[in-house]
């Protein structure tokens, strides 16, 4: 009897689990195009395209990246954090991002290397 109760309790907890990190992450064609530009591996691009649901056309990537370059005015800290976290399952909290931005560039690079490997 306790086995049935445990199984029922487990099935209820599985159904009410919060949304996973993967479901919260927003995949974008702009990020896919940036990965292409950075010469990411074919396996990584294929996996990202599967999550995105399609493979953006080369012309679309060119337009997206040129528009992004003209609109983005980010600090070197923001750029470093974004580049290290791109494609990683680890997502930094806002407080960690603030701490990283407060560090010197050398300290920040060392910490990002430690976090993301």
N, C-alpha and C. Protein backbone atom coordinates (compact mmCIF):
# COMPACT_ATOMS: atom_id res chain seq x y z
N UNK A 1 0.83 -1.19 0.00
CA UNK A 1 0.00 0.00 0.00
C UNK A 1 0.87 1.25 0.00
N UNK A 2 1.94 1.25 0.80
CA UNK A 2 2.81 2.43 0.84
C UNK A 2 3.52 2.63 -0.49
N UNK A 3 3.77 1.55 -1.24
CA UNK A 3 4.40 1.67 -2.55
C UNK A 3 3.48 2.43 -3.50
N UNK A 4 2.19 2.12 -3.46
CA UNK A 4 1.22 2.82 -4.31
C UNK A 4 1.13 4.29 -3.93
N UNK A 5 1.14 4.56 -2.64
CA UNK A 5 1.08 5.95 -2.18
C UNK A 5 2.32 6.71 -2.63
N UNK A 6 3.48 6.07 -2.50
CA UNK A 6 4.74 6.70 -2.92
C UNK A 6 4.73 6.95 -4.42
N UNK A 7 4.26 5.99 -5.21
CA UNK A 7 4.20 6.14 -6.66
C UNK A 7 3.24 7.27 -7.03
N UNK A 8 2.11 7.35 -6.35
CA UNK A 8 1.15 8.41 -6.64
C UNK A 8 1.72 9.77 -6.27
N UNK A 9 2.40 9.85 -5.14
CA UNK A 9 3.02 11.09 -4.71
C UNK A 9 4.11 11.51 -5.70
N UNK A 10 4.90 10.55 -6.16
CA UNK A 10 5.96 10.84 -7.14
C UNK A 10 5.36 11.36 -8.44
N UNK A 11 4.30 10.72 -8.93
CA UNK A 11 3.70 11.16 -10.19
C UNK A 11 3.10 12.56 -10.05
N UNK A 12 2.58 12.89 -8.88
CA UNK A 12 2.06 14.24 -8.67
C UNK A 12 3.19 15.25 -8.67
N UNK A 13 4.32 14.91 -8.06
CA UNK A 13 5.44 15.85 -8.00
C UNK A 13 6.06 16.03 -9.38
N UNK A 14 6.07 15.00 -10.21
CA UNK A 14 6.61 15.12 -11.56
C UNK A 14 5.74 16.05 -12.38
N UNK A 15 4.45 15.97 -12.21
CA UNK A 15 3.52 16.80 -12.98
C UNK A 15 3.57 18.26 -12.55
N UNK A 16 3.94 18.54 -11.32
CA UNK A 16 3.93 19.91 -10.83
C UNK A 16 5.31 20.53 -10.75
N UNK A 17 6.33 19.88 -11.36
CA UNK A 17 7.68 20.44 -11.34
C UNK A 17 7.69 21.80 -12.03
N UNK A 18 8.52 22.72 -11.54
CA UNK A 18 8.62 24.02 -12.20
C UNK A 18 9.27 23.86 -13.57
N UNK A 19 9.16 24.90 -14.37
CA UNK A 19 9.72 24.89 -15.72
C UNK A 19 11.23 24.73 -15.64
N UNK A 20 11.79 23.89 -16.49
CA UNK A 20 13.23 23.66 -16.47
C UNK A 20 13.96 24.82 -17.12
N UNK A 21 15.27 24.89 -16.90
CA UNK A 21 16.11 25.95 -17.47
C UNK A 21 16.03 25.91 -18.98
N UNK A 22 16.04 24.70 -19.55
CA UNK A 22 16.01 24.58 -21.01
C UNK A 22 14.72 25.17 -21.58
N UNK A 23 13.60 25.01 -20.88
CA UNK A 23 12.34 25.55 -21.35
C UNK A 23 12.31 27.07 -21.20
N UNK A 24 13.05 27.62 -20.25
CA UNK A 24 13.07 29.06 -20.03
C UNK A 24 13.99 29.76 -21.02
N UNK A 25 15.00 29.08 -21.53
CA UNK A 25 15.99 29.71 -22.39
C UNK A 25 15.37 30.07 -23.74
N UNK A 26 15.62 31.26 -24.21
CA UNK A 26 15.10 31.73 -25.48
C UNK A 26 16.16 31.56 -26.56
N UNK A 27 15.94 30.64 -27.47
CA UNK A 27 16.86 30.44 -28.59
C UNK A 27 16.51 31.47 -29.66
N UNK A 28 17.55 32.03 -30.30
CA UNK A 28 17.29 33.07 -31.30
C UNK A 28 18.11 32.83 -32.55
N UNK A 29 17.56 33.28 -33.67
CA UNK A 29 18.31 33.15 -34.91
C UNK A 29 19.54 34.07 -34.89
N UNK A 30 19.48 35.15 -34.16
CA UNK A 30 20.64 36.04 -34.06
C UNK A 30 21.80 35.33 -33.34
N UNK A 31 21.50 34.60 -32.28
CA UNK A 31 22.55 33.87 -31.58
C UNK A 31 23.08 32.73 -32.45
N UNK A 32 22.19 32.06 -33.20
CA UNK A 32 22.65 31.02 -34.12
C UNK A 32 23.63 31.62 -35.13
N UNK A 33 23.28 32.76 -35.69
CA UNK A 33 24.14 33.41 -36.68
C UNK A 33 25.48 33.82 -36.06
N UNK A 34 25.46 34.26 -34.83
CA UNK A 34 26.70 34.61 -34.14
C UNK A 34 27.57 33.37 -33.94
N UNK A 35 26.95 32.24 -33.65
CA UNK A 35 27.71 30.99 -33.52
C UNK A 35 28.33 30.59 -34.85
N UNK A 36 27.60 30.78 -35.94
CA UNK A 36 28.14 30.50 -37.28
C UNK A 36 29.35 31.39 -37.53
N UNK A 37 29.23 32.65 -37.20
CA UNK A 37 30.31 33.61 -37.42
C UNK A 37 31.55 33.26 -36.60
N UNK A 38 31.35 32.65 -35.45
CA UNK A 38 32.47 32.27 -34.58
C UNK A 38 33.01 30.89 -34.92
N UNK A 39 32.56 30.31 -36.03
CA UNK A 39 33.02 28.99 -36.48
C UNK A 39 32.76 27.90 -35.44
N UNK A 40 31.54 27.87 -34.92
CA UNK A 40 31.16 26.82 -33.97
C UNK A 40 31.14 25.48 -34.70
N UNK A 41 31.26 24.41 -33.96
CA UNK A 41 31.28 23.07 -34.57
C UNK A 41 29.94 22.76 -35.22
N UNK A 42 29.98 21.86 -36.19
CA UNK A 42 28.75 21.47 -36.90
C UNK A 42 27.75 20.83 -35.94
N UNK A 43 28.26 20.07 -34.96
CA UNK A 43 27.38 19.43 -33.99
C UNK A 43 26.65 20.48 -33.14
N UNK A 44 27.38 21.51 -32.73
CA UNK A 44 26.76 22.56 -31.92
C UNK A 44 25.71 23.32 -32.73
N UNK A 45 26.03 23.63 -33.98
CA UNK A 45 25.08 24.34 -34.84
C UNK A 45 23.85 23.48 -35.11
N UNK A 46 24.06 22.20 -35.31
CA UNK A 46 22.94 21.30 -35.56
C UNK A 46 22.03 21.22 -34.33
N UNK A 47 22.63 21.09 -33.15
CA UNK A 47 21.85 21.03 -31.91
C UNK A 47 21.10 22.33 -31.68
N UNK A 48 21.76 23.46 -31.94
CA UNK A 48 21.11 24.76 -31.74
C UNK A 48 19.96 24.92 -32.73
N UNK A 49 20.18 24.50 -34.00
CA UNK A 49 19.11 24.60 -35.00
C UNK A 49 17.92 23.73 -34.62
N UNK A 50 18.19 22.56 -34.05
CA UNK A 50 17.09 21.71 -33.58
C UNK A 50 16.27 22.41 -32.51
N UNK A 51 16.95 23.06 -31.56
CA UNK A 51 16.24 23.78 -30.49
C UNK A 51 15.50 24.99 -31.06
N UNK A 52 16.11 25.65 -32.04
CA UNK A 52 15.51 26.84 -32.65
C UNK A 52 14.31 26.46 -33.50
N UNK A 53 14.40 25.29 -34.16
CA UNK A 53 13.30 24.83 -34.99
C UNK A 53 13.53 25.03 -36.47
N UNK A 54 14.61 25.71 -36.86
CA UNK A 54 14.94 25.93 -38.26
C UNK A 54 16.39 26.41 -38.35
N UNK A 55 16.91 26.42 -39.58
CA UNK A 55 18.25 26.94 -39.82
C UNK A 55 18.09 28.26 -40.57
N UNK A 56 18.52 29.38 -39.97
CA UNK A 56 18.40 30.66 -40.65
C UNK A 56 19.22 30.70 -41.94
N UNK A 57 18.71 31.39 -42.94
CA UNK A 57 19.41 31.52 -44.22
C UNK A 57 20.63 32.42 -44.05
N UNK A 58 21.62 32.26 -44.92
CA UNK A 58 22.84 33.06 -44.84
C UNK A 58 22.53 34.55 -44.98
N UNK A 59 21.60 34.89 -45.87
CA UNK A 59 21.23 36.30 -46.06
C UNK A 59 20.60 36.87 -44.78
N UNK A 60 19.80 36.05 -44.12
CA UNK A 60 19.18 36.48 -42.86
C UNK A 60 20.24 36.72 -41.79
N UNK A 61 21.22 35.82 -41.73
CA UNK A 61 22.30 35.98 -40.75
C UNK A 61 23.09 37.25 -41.03
N UNK A 62 23.37 37.50 -42.27
CA UNK A 62 24.13 38.70 -42.63
C UNK A 62 23.37 39.96 -42.21
N UNK A 63 22.08 39.99 -42.49
CA UNK A 63 21.25 41.15 -42.11
C UNK A 63 21.16 41.29 -40.60
N UNK A 64 20.97 40.18 -39.90
CA UNK A 64 20.85 40.24 -38.44
C UNK A 64 22.14 40.71 -37.79
N UNK A 65 23.26 40.19 -38.24
CA UNK A 65 24.52 40.55 -37.61
C UNK A 65 24.93 41.98 -37.92
N UNK A 66 24.63 42.47 -39.11
CA UNK A 66 24.97 43.87 -39.42
C UNK A 66 24.08 44.81 -38.62
N UNK A 67 22.81 44.47 -38.46
CA UNK A 67 21.90 45.30 -37.66
C UNK A 67 22.32 45.26 -36.19
N UNK A 68 22.71 44.10 -35.72
CA UNK A 68 23.12 43.96 -34.32
C UNK A 68 24.38 44.78 -34.05
N UNK A 69 25.32 44.77 -34.97
CA UNK A 69 26.56 45.53 -34.77
C UNK A 69 26.28 47.02 -34.70
N UNK A 70 25.33 47.50 -35.46
CA UNK A 70 25.05 48.93 -35.45
C UNK A 70 24.26 49.36 -34.21
N UNK A 71 23.53 48.43 -33.59
CA UNK A 71 22.68 48.78 -32.44
C UNK A 71 23.36 48.53 -31.10
N UNK A 72 24.26 47.58 -31.05
CA UNK A 72 24.85 47.20 -29.77
C UNK A 72 25.99 48.13 -29.40
N UNK A 73 25.85 48.73 -28.25
CA UNK A 73 26.94 49.53 -27.68
C UNK A 73 27.14 49.00 -26.27
N UNK A 74 27.85 47.91 -26.18
CA UNK A 74 28.02 47.29 -24.89
C UNK A 74 29.45 47.47 -24.39
N UNK A 75 29.61 47.35 -23.12
CA UNK A 75 30.94 47.48 -22.54
C UNK A 75 31.73 46.20 -22.80
N UNK A 76 33.02 46.28 -22.60
CA UNK A 76 33.84 45.07 -22.79
C UNK A 76 33.44 44.00 -21.77
N UNK A 77 33.02 44.42 -20.58
CA UNK A 77 32.59 43.44 -19.56
C UNK A 77 31.36 42.68 -20.04
N UNK A 78 30.37 43.39 -20.56
CA UNK A 78 29.16 42.73 -21.05
C UNK A 78 29.48 41.79 -22.20
N UNK A 79 30.36 42.23 -23.09
CA UNK A 79 30.74 41.41 -24.24
C UNK A 79 31.46 40.14 -23.78
N UNK A 80 32.38 40.28 -22.82
CA UNK A 80 33.11 39.11 -22.32
C UNK A 80 32.16 38.12 -21.65
N UNK A 81 31.26 38.62 -20.83
CA UNK A 81 30.31 37.75 -20.13
C UNK A 81 29.43 37.02 -21.14
N UNK A 82 28.95 37.74 -22.15
CA UNK A 82 28.10 37.14 -23.18
C UNK A 82 28.86 36.08 -23.97
N UNK A 83 30.08 36.38 -24.36
CA UNK A 83 30.87 35.44 -25.15
C UNK A 83 31.18 34.16 -24.36
N UNK A 84 31.49 34.29 -23.09
CA UNK A 84 31.78 33.11 -22.29
C UNK A 84 30.52 32.29 -22.03
N UNK A 85 29.37 32.94 -21.86
CA UNK A 85 28.16 32.20 -21.51
C UNK A 85 27.42 31.66 -22.73
N UNK A 86 27.76 32.11 -23.91
CA UNK A 86 27.06 31.66 -25.13
C UNK A 86 27.23 30.16 -25.30
N UNK A 87 26.10 29.48 -25.48
CA UNK A 87 26.11 28.05 -25.69
C UNK A 87 26.28 27.22 -24.43
N UNK A 88 26.42 27.86 -23.28
CA UNK A 88 26.62 27.14 -22.03
C UNK A 88 25.28 26.93 -21.35
N UNK A 89 25.17 25.82 -20.65
CA UNK A 89 23.96 25.55 -19.88
C UNK A 89 23.94 26.39 -18.60
N UNK A 90 25.11 26.86 -18.17
CA UNK A 90 25.19 27.68 -16.97
C UNK A 90 24.72 29.10 -17.28
N UNK A 91 23.82 29.59 -16.47
CA UNK A 91 23.34 30.96 -16.62
C UNK A 91 23.68 31.72 -15.34
N UNK A 92 24.27 32.88 -15.52
CA UNK A 92 24.71 33.68 -14.38
C UNK A 92 23.54 34.48 -13.82
N UNK A 93 23.53 34.62 -12.49
CA UNK A 93 22.50 35.43 -11.84
C UNK A 93 22.86 36.91 -12.02
N UNK A 94 21.89 37.79 -11.91
CA UNK A 94 22.19 39.22 -12.03
C UNK A 94 23.23 39.71 -11.01
N UNK A 95 23.22 39.15 -9.81
CA UNK A 95 24.19 39.59 -8.81
C UNK A 95 25.62 39.16 -9.20
N UNK A 96 25.77 37.97 -9.78
CA UNK A 96 27.09 37.52 -10.23
C UNK A 96 27.57 38.39 -11.39
N UNK A 97 26.65 38.75 -12.28
CA UNK A 97 27.01 39.62 -13.41
C UNK A 97 27.49 40.98 -12.90
N UNK A 98 26.81 41.52 -11.90
CA UNK A 98 27.24 42.80 -11.30
C UNK A 98 28.63 42.68 -10.70
N UNK A 99 28.88 41.57 -10.00
CA UNK A 99 30.19 41.36 -9.40
C UNK A 99 31.27 41.26 -10.48
N UNK A 100 30.97 40.56 -11.57
CA UNK A 100 31.94 40.42 -12.66
C UNK A 100 32.23 41.77 -13.30
N UNK A 101 31.21 42.60 -13.48
CA UNK A 101 31.40 43.91 -14.08
C UNK A 101 32.25 44.82 -13.20
N UNK A 102 32.18 44.61 -11.90
CA UNK A 102 32.95 45.43 -10.96
C UNK A 102 34.43 45.05 -10.92
N UNK A 103 34.78 43.87 -11.43
CA UNK A 103 36.16 43.40 -11.40
C UNK A 103 36.99 44.07 -12.50
N UNK A 104 38.30 44.02 -12.31
CA UNK A 104 39.18 44.48 -13.39
C UNK A 104 39.08 43.47 -14.53
N UNK A 105 39.50 43.86 -15.71
CA UNK A 105 39.37 42.98 -16.87
C UNK A 105 40.13 41.67 -16.66
N UNK A 106 41.30 41.76 -16.09
CA UNK A 106 42.11 40.56 -15.86
C UNK A 106 41.44 39.62 -14.86
N UNK A 107 40.92 40.18 -13.77
CA UNK A 107 40.22 39.36 -12.77
C UNK A 107 38.96 38.73 -13.37
N UNK A 108 38.23 39.54 -14.16
CA UNK A 108 36.99 39.07 -14.77
C UNK A 108 37.27 37.90 -15.72
N UNK A 109 38.29 38.04 -16.56
CA UNK A 109 38.62 36.96 -17.49
C UNK A 109 39.00 35.68 -16.74
N UNK A 110 39.76 35.81 -15.68
CA UNK A 110 40.15 34.65 -14.88
C UNK A 110 38.92 33.99 -14.25
N UNK A 111 38.01 34.79 -13.74
CA UNK A 111 36.80 34.25 -13.11
C UNK A 111 35.89 33.60 -14.14
N UNK A 112 35.74 34.21 -15.31
CA UNK A 112 34.93 33.63 -16.36
C UNK A 112 35.52 32.28 -16.83
N UNK A 113 36.84 32.22 -16.92
CA UNK A 113 37.51 30.97 -17.27
C UNK A 113 37.21 29.91 -16.21
N UNK A 114 37.22 30.30 -14.93
CA UNK A 114 36.95 29.36 -13.85
C UNK A 114 35.51 28.87 -13.90
N UNK A 115 34.57 29.78 -14.17
CA UNK A 115 33.15 29.42 -14.18
C UNK A 115 32.81 28.53 -15.37
N UNK A 116 33.24 28.95 -16.56
CA UNK A 116 32.82 28.27 -17.78
C UNK A 116 33.84 27.28 -18.33
N UNK A 117 35.02 27.26 -17.72
CA UNK A 117 36.03 26.28 -18.12
C UNK A 117 36.80 26.58 -19.35
